[in-house]
Amino acid sequence: MSNAVGDRTAVTRAAESSAILRLASRSLGGWAAWARRTNARLAVGLRGRSARPTASPEQLRMVADDSLTLRALSRLIDIPVNAWHDAAAKRMFDTIFALDLGVRMSLLGWMLIAAVVTHIVVVAVLGVRVYLLGWSTRAVLAVLAVALITRPAAFAAAWRERHARHQAQSEQER
């Protein structure tokens, strides 16, 4: 079973569809070219003569099992993932994500209000001077929070529209 379609691997397709990576490759063209060359060299080194994706997941797993570094990295990734499945925070987030999008938008507004007020109190208690930029940022966040609380349906509709447009664009790129 291969993760490739033609000559493009799943990682390559994901990288090509990422707007952030496209922006980074435009602004950091030299680095992106180096990354592509390095990726091709790694593919040639793992597979032999060509960079065509010919290794199966089982073959890659065998190579990874022989590497102490890759096994250690795998454990470092697996430990938090496995812990997340039983975490209380996951249960809390599952409850929040099960709510209607409009309710979540309103909840986001209340979280912003709580964050702004908490920040104001902490900064005041610590005696830190706050200048125009700090107060302006707090004011913008407070206005956004009030808008989220008072008009959650409008923000939810805009979110759904953006999400649908993004999915349609991703489908066209494939």
C-alpha atoms as a PDB file:
ATOM      1  CA  MET A   1       0.000   0.000   0.000  1.00  0.00           C
ATOM      2  CA  SER A   2       1.549   3.300  -1.078  1.00  0.00           C
ATOM      3  CA  ASN A   3       0.961   6.847   0.114  1.00  0.00           C
ATOM      4  CA  ALA A   4       1.620   8.206  -3.362  1.00  0.00           C
ATOM      5  CA  VAL A   5      -0.469   9.300  -6.298  1.00  0.00           C
ATOM      6  CA  GLY A   6       1.754   9.274  -9.363  1.00  0.00           C
ATOM      7  CA  ASP A   7       5.076  10.795  -8.362  1.00  0.00           C
ATOM      8  CA  ARG A   8       3.644  12.904  -5.516  1.00  0.00           C
ATOM      9  CA  THR A   9       3.737  11.664  -1.946  1.00  0.00           C
ATOM     10  CA  ALA A  10       1.076  12.483   0.607  1.00  0.00           C
ATOM     11  CA  VAL A  11       3.537  14.806   2.383  1.00  0.00           C
ATOM     12  CA  THR A  12       4.237  16.656  -0.888  1.00  0.00           C
ATOM     13  CA  ARG A  13       0.506  17.044  -1.615  1.00  0.00           C
ATOM     14  CA  ALA A  14      -0.106  18.322   1.929  1.00  0.00           C
ATOM     15  CA  ALA A  15       2.766  20.795   1.644  1.00  0.00           C
ATOM     16  CA  GLU A  16       1.522  22.044  -1.720  1.00  0.00           C
ATOM     17  CA  SER A  17      -1.998  22.583  -0.369  1.00  0.00           C
ATOM     18  CA  SER A  18      -0.839  24.553   2.672  1.00  0.00           C
ATOM     19  CA  ALA A  19      -1.253  28.302   2.270  1.00  0.00           C
ATOM     20  CA  ILE A  20       1.323  28.918   4.996  1.00  0.00           C
ATOM     21  CA  LEU A  21       3.905  26.749   3.255  1.00  0.00           C
ATOM     22  CA  ARG A  22       3.152  28.447  -0.095  1.00  0.00           C
ATOM     23  CA  LEU A  23       3.730  31.840   1.531  1.00  0.00           C
ATOM     24  CA  ALA A  24       6.911  30.602   3.189  1.00  0.00           C
ATOM     25  CA  SER A  25       8.210  29.142  -0.062  1.00  0.00           C
ATOM     26  CA  ARG A  26       7.573  32.459  -1.812  1.00  0.00           C
ATOM     27  CA  SER A  27       9.287  34.508   0.863  1.00  0.00           C
ATOM     28  CA  LEU A  28      12.000  31.973   1.651  1.00  0.00           C
ATOM     29  CA  GLY A  29      12.561  30.614  -1.848  1.00  0.00           C
ATOM     30  CA  GLY A  30      16.163  29.573  -1.195  1.00  0.00           C
ATOM     31  CA  TRP A  31      15.218  27.659   1.917  1.00  0.00           C
ATOM     32  CA  ALA A  32      12.298  25.976   0.147  1.00  0.00           C
ATOM     33  CA  ALA A  33      14.560  24.915  -2.730  1.00  0.00           C
ATOM     34  CA  TRP A  34      17.049  23.527  -0.201  1.00  0.00           C
ATOM     35  CA  ALA A  35      14.222  21.646   1.544  1.00  0.00           C
ATOM     36  CA  ARG A  36      13.062  20.134  -1.773  1.00  0.00           C
ATOM     37  CA  ARG A  37      16.627  19.090  -2.675  1.00  0.00           C
ATOM     38  CA  THR A  38      17.141  17.611   0.785  1.00  0.00           C
ATOM     39  CA  ASN A  39      13.828  15.744   0.543  1.00  0.00           C
ATOM     40  CA  ALA A  40      14.872  14.335  -2.849  1.00  0.00           C
ATOM     41  CA  ARG A  41      18.288  13.325  -1.473  1.00  0.00           C
ATOM     42  CA  LEU A  42      16.655  11.568   1.462  1.00  0.00           C
ATOM     43  CA  ALA A  43      14.281   9.762  -0.879  1.00  0.00           C
ATOM     44  CA  VAL A  44      17.192   8.691  -3.101  1.00  0.00           C
ATOM     45  CA  GLY A  45      19.169   7.596  -0.060  1.00  0.00           C
ATOM     46  CA  LEU A  46      16.315   5.521   1.334  1.00  0.00           C
ATOM     47  CA  ARG A  47      15.202   3.991  -1.938  1.00  0.00           C
ATOM     48  CA  GLY A  48      18.315   3.699  -4.062  1.00  0.00           C
ATOM     49  CA  ARG A  49      18.410   5.244  -7.539  1.00  0.00           C
ATOM     50  CA  SER A  50      15.352   7.449  -8.057  1.00  0.00           C
ATOM     51  CA  ALA A  51      13.219   9.702  -5.923  1.00  0.00           C
ATOM     52  CA  ARG A  52      10.041   7.943  -7.068  1.00  0.00           C
ATOM     53  CA  PRO A  53       8.021   6.787  -4.053  1.00  0.00           C
ATOM     54  CA  THR A  54       8.536   3.027  -4.141  1.00  0.00           C
ATOM     55  CA  ALA A  55       8.914   2.193  -0.456  1.00  0.00           C
ATOM     56  CA  SER A  56       5.897   0.703   1.232  1.00  0.00           C
ATOM     57  CA  PRO A  57       4.870   1.746   4.729  1.00  0.00           C
ATOM     58  CA  GLU A  58       6.091  -1.627   5.971  1.00  0.00           C
ATOM     59  CA  GLN A  59       9.557  -1.012   4.498  1.00  0.00           C
ATOM     60  CA  LEU A  60       9.702   2.442   6.036  1.00  0.00           C
ATOM     61  CA  ARG A  61       8.577   0.996   9.377  1.00  0.00           C
ATOM     62  CA  MET A  62      11.411  -1.569   9.205  1.00  0.00           C
ATOM     63  CA  VAL A  63      13.959   1.207   8.567  1.00  0.00           C
ATOM     64  CA  ALA A  64      12.472   3.263  11.422  1.00  0.00           C
ATOM     65  CA  ASP A  65      12.539   0.297  13.812  1.00  0.00           C
ATOM     66  CA  ASP A  66      16.292  -0.068  13.261  1.00  0.00           C
ATOM     67  CA  SER A  67      16.921   3.586  14.170  1.00  0.00           C
ATOM     68  CA  LEU A  68      17.245   4.470  17.845  1.00  0.00           C
ATOM     69  CA  THR A  69      16.721   8.153  17.040  1.00  0.00           C
ATOM     70  CA  LEU A  70      13.491   7.545  15.157  1.00  0.00           C
ATOM     71  CA  ARG A  71      12.207   5.236  17.890  1.00  0.00           C
ATOM     72  CA  ALA A  72      12.958   7.885  20.538  1.00  0.00           C
ATOM     73  CA  LEU A  73      11.216  10.573  18.461  1.00  0.00           C
ATOM     74  CA  SER A  74       8.259   8.263  17.943  1.00  0.00           C
ATOM     75  CA  ARG A  75       7.951   7.732  21.689  1.00  0.00           C
ATOM     76  CA  LEU A  76       8.171  11.474  22.321  1.00  0.00           C
ATOM     77  CA  ILE A  77       5.253  11.974  19.943  1.00  0.00           C
ATOM     78  CA  ASP A  78       3.227   8.970  21.118  1.00  0.00           C
ATOM     79  CA  ILE A  79       3.339   9.757  24.846  1.00  0.00           C
ATOM     80  CA  PRO A  80       1.362  13.037  24.681  1.00  0.00           C
ATOM     81  CA  VAL A  81      -1.023  11.602  22.079  1.00  0.00           C
ATOM     82  CA  ASN A  82      -1.808   8.598  24.276  1.00  0.00           C
ATOM     83  CA  ALA A  83      -2.117  10.796  27.370  1.00  0.00           C
ATOM     84  CA  TRP A  84      -4.538  13.101  25.529  1.00  0.00           C
ATOM     85  CA  HIS A  85      -7.041  10.276  25.028  1.00  0.00           C
ATOM     86  CA  ASP A  86      -7.614  10.005  28.799  1.00  0.00           C
ATOM     87  CA  ALA A  87      -7.125  13.665  29.707  1.00  0.00           C
ATOM     88  CA  ALA A  88      -9.792  15.690  31.469  1.00  0.00           C
ATOM     89  CA  ALA A  89      -9.067  18.587  29.116  1.00  0.00           C
ATOM     90  CA  LYS A  90     -10.054  16.389  26.156  1.00  0.00           C
ATOM     91  CA  ARG A  91     -13.402  15.641  27.753  1.00  0.00           C
ATOM     92  CA  MET A  92     -13.921  19.367  28.359  1.00  0.00           C
ATOM     93  CA  PHE A  93     -12.992  20.252  24.755  1.00  0.00           C
ATOM     94  CA  ASP A  94     -15.217  17.478  23.412  1.00  0.00           C
ATOM     95  CA  THR A  95     -18.110  19.046  25.320  1.00  0.00           C
ATOM     96  CA  ILE A  96     -17.313  22.491  23.898  1.00  0.00           C
ATOM     97  CA  PHE A  97     -16.880  21.218  20.328  1.00  0.00           C
ATOM     98  CA  ALA A  98     -20.241  19.456  20.545  1.00  0.00           C
ATOM     99  CA  LEU A  99     -21.964  22.823  21.039  1.00  0.00           C
ATOM    100  CA  ASP A 100     -23.548  24.767  18.192  1.00  0.00           C
ATOM    101  CA  LEU A 101     -21.121  27.070  16.350  1.00  0.00           C
ATOM    102  CA  GLY A 102     -23.060  30.164  17.409  1.00  0.00           C
ATOM    103  CA  VAL A 103     -22.814  29.165  21.062  1.00  0.00           C
ATOM    104  CA  ARG A 104     -19.079  28.556  20.628  1.00  0.00           C
ATOM    105  CA  MET A 105     -18.686  32.041  19.099  1.00  0.00           C
ATOM    106  CA  SER A 106     -20.458  33.568  22.105  1.00  0.00           C
ATOM    107  CA  LEU A 107     -18.300  31.493  24.439  1.00  0.00           C
ATOM    108  CA  LEU A 108     -15.207  32.749  22.604  1.00  0.00           C
ATOM    109  CA  GLY A 109     -16.376  36.319  23.241  1.00  0.00           C
ATOM    110  CA  TRP A 110     -16.720  35.642  26.958  1.00  0.00           C
ATOM    111  CA  MET A 111     -13.254  34.037  27.008  1.00  0.00           C
ATOM    112  CA  LEU A 112     -11.805  37.148  25.362  1.00  0.00           C
ATOM    113  CA  ILE A 113     -13.513  39.377  27.960  1.00  0.00           C
ATOM    114  CA  ALA A 114     -12.109  37.196  30.753  1.00  0.00           C
ATOM    115  CA  ALA A 115      -8.616  37.322  29.227  1.00  0.00           C
ATOM    116  CA  VAL A 116      -8.664  41.108  28.786  1.00  0.00           C
ATOM    117  CA  VAL A 117      -9.952  41.744  32.318  1.00  0.00           C
ATOM    118  CA  THR A 118      -7.468  39.253  33.805  1.00  0.00           C
ATOM    119  CA  HIS A 119      -4.613  40.899  31.927  1.00  0.00           C
ATOM    120  CA  ILE A 120      -5.651  44.367  33.117  1.00  0.00           C
ATOM    121  CA  VAL A 121      -5.814  43.170  36.735  1.00  0.00           C
ATOM    122  CA  VAL A 122      -2.470  41.329  36.612  1.00  0.00           C
ATOM    123  CA  VAL A 123      -0.692  44.257  34.982  1.00  0.00           C
ATOM    124  CA  ALA A 124      -2.198  46.666  37.534  1.00  0.00           C
ATOM    125  CA  VAL A 125      -1.223  44.468  40.482  1.00  0.00           C
ATOM    126  CA  LEU A 126       2.336  44.127  39.193  1.00  0.00           C
ATOM    127  CA  GLY A 127       2.561  47.871  38.597  1.00  0.00           C
ATOM    128  CA  VAL A 128       3.545  47.554  34.936  1.00  0.00           C
ATOM    129  CA  ARG A 129       3.023  50.716  32.903  1.00  0.00           C
ATOM    130  CA  VAL A 130       0.767  50.267  29.906  1.00  0.00           C
ATOM    131  CA  TYR A 131       0.989  52.612  26.967  1.00  0.00           C
ATOM    132  CA  LEU A 132      -1.225  53.432  23.997  1.00  0.00           C
ATOM    133  CA  LEU A 133      -0.487  50.225  22.086  1.00  0.00           C
ATOM    134  CA  GLY A 134      -1.421  48.045  25.067  1.00  0.00           C
ATOM    135  CA  TRP A 135      -4.664  49.897  25.760  1.00  0.00           C
ATOM    136  CA  SER A 136      -5.530  49.970  22.053  1.00  0.00           C
ATOM    137  CA  THR A 137      -5.028  46.227  21.776  1.00  0.00           C
ATOM    138  CA  ARG A 138      -7.220  45.618  24.808  1.00  0.00           C
ATOM    139  CA  ALA A 139      -9.904  47.926  23.421  1.00  0.00           C
ATOM    140  CA  VAL A 140      -9.930  46.118  20.052  1.00  0.00           C
ATOM    141  CA  LEU A 141     -10.157  42.736  21.787  1.00  0.00           C
ATOM    142  CA  ALA A 142     -12.966  43.978  24.036  1.00  0.00           C
ATOM    143  CA  VAL A 143     -14.936  45.329  21.048  1.00  0.00           C
ATOM    144  CA  LEU A 144     -14.414  42.035  19.203  1.00  0.00           C
ATOM    145  CA  ALA A 145     -15.567  40.138  22.295  1.00  0.00           C
ATOM    146  CA  VAL A 146     -18.718  42.238  22.612  1.00  0.00           C
ATOM    147  CA  ALA A 147     -19.437  41.696  18.909  1.00  0.00           C
ATOM    148  CA  LEU A 148     -18.980  37.932  19.328  1.00  0.00           C
ATOM    149  CA  ILE A 149     -21.323  37.914  22.321  1.00  0.00           C
ATOM    150  CA  THR A 150     -24.030  40.085  20.752  1.00  0.00           C
ATOM    151  CA  ARG A 151     -23.934  38.694  17.182  1.00  0.00           C
ATOM    152  CA  PRO A 152     -22.734  35.082  17.368  1.00  0.00           C
ATOM    153  CA  ALA A 153     -24.929  33.963  14.453  1.00  0.00           C
ATOM    154  CA  ALA A 154     -23.280  36.434  12.066  1.00  0.00           C
ATOM    155  CA  PHE A 155     -19.795  35.286  13.060  1.00  0.00           C
ATOM    156  CA  ALA A 156     -20.835  31.625  12.810  1.00  0.00           C
ATOM    157  CA  ALA A 157     -22.226  32.206   9.294  1.00  0.00           C
ATOM    158  CA  ALA A 158     -19.018  33.963   8.245  1.00  0.00           C
ATOM    159  CA  TRP A 159     -16.962  31.100   9.691  1.00  0.00           C
ATOM    160  CA  ARG A 160     -19.033  28.488   7.843  1.00  0.00           C
ATOM    161  CA  GLU A 161     -18.751  30.435   4.574  1.00  0.00           C
ATOM    162  CA  ARG A 162     -14.992  30.785   4.914  1.00  0.00           C
ATOM    163  CA  HIS A 163     -14.638  27.113   5.781  1.00  0.00           C
ATOM    164  CA  ALA A 164     -16.740  26.052   2.760  1.00  0.00           C
ATOM    165  CA  ARG A 165     -14.760  28.360   0.467  1.00  0.00           C
ATOM    166  CA  HIS A 166     -11.474  26.973   1.801  1.00  0.00           C
ATOM    167  CA  GLN A 167     -12.635  23.374   1.285  1.00  0.00           C
ATOM    168  CA  ALA A 168     -13.773  24.140  -2.271  1.00  0.00           C
ATOM    169  CA  GLN A 169     -10.410  25.739  -3.010  1.00  0.00           C
ATOM    170  CA  SER A 170      -8.584  22.710  -1.572  1.00  0.00           C
ATOM    171  CA  GLU A 171     -10.681  20.372  -3.741  1.00  0.00           C
ATOM    172  CA  GLN A 172      -9.833  22.410  -6.845  1.00  0.00           C
ATOM    173  CA  GLU A 173      -6.112  22.218  -6.080  1.00  0.00           C
ATOM    174  CA  ARG A 174      -6.247  18.433  -5.933  1.00  0.00           C
END
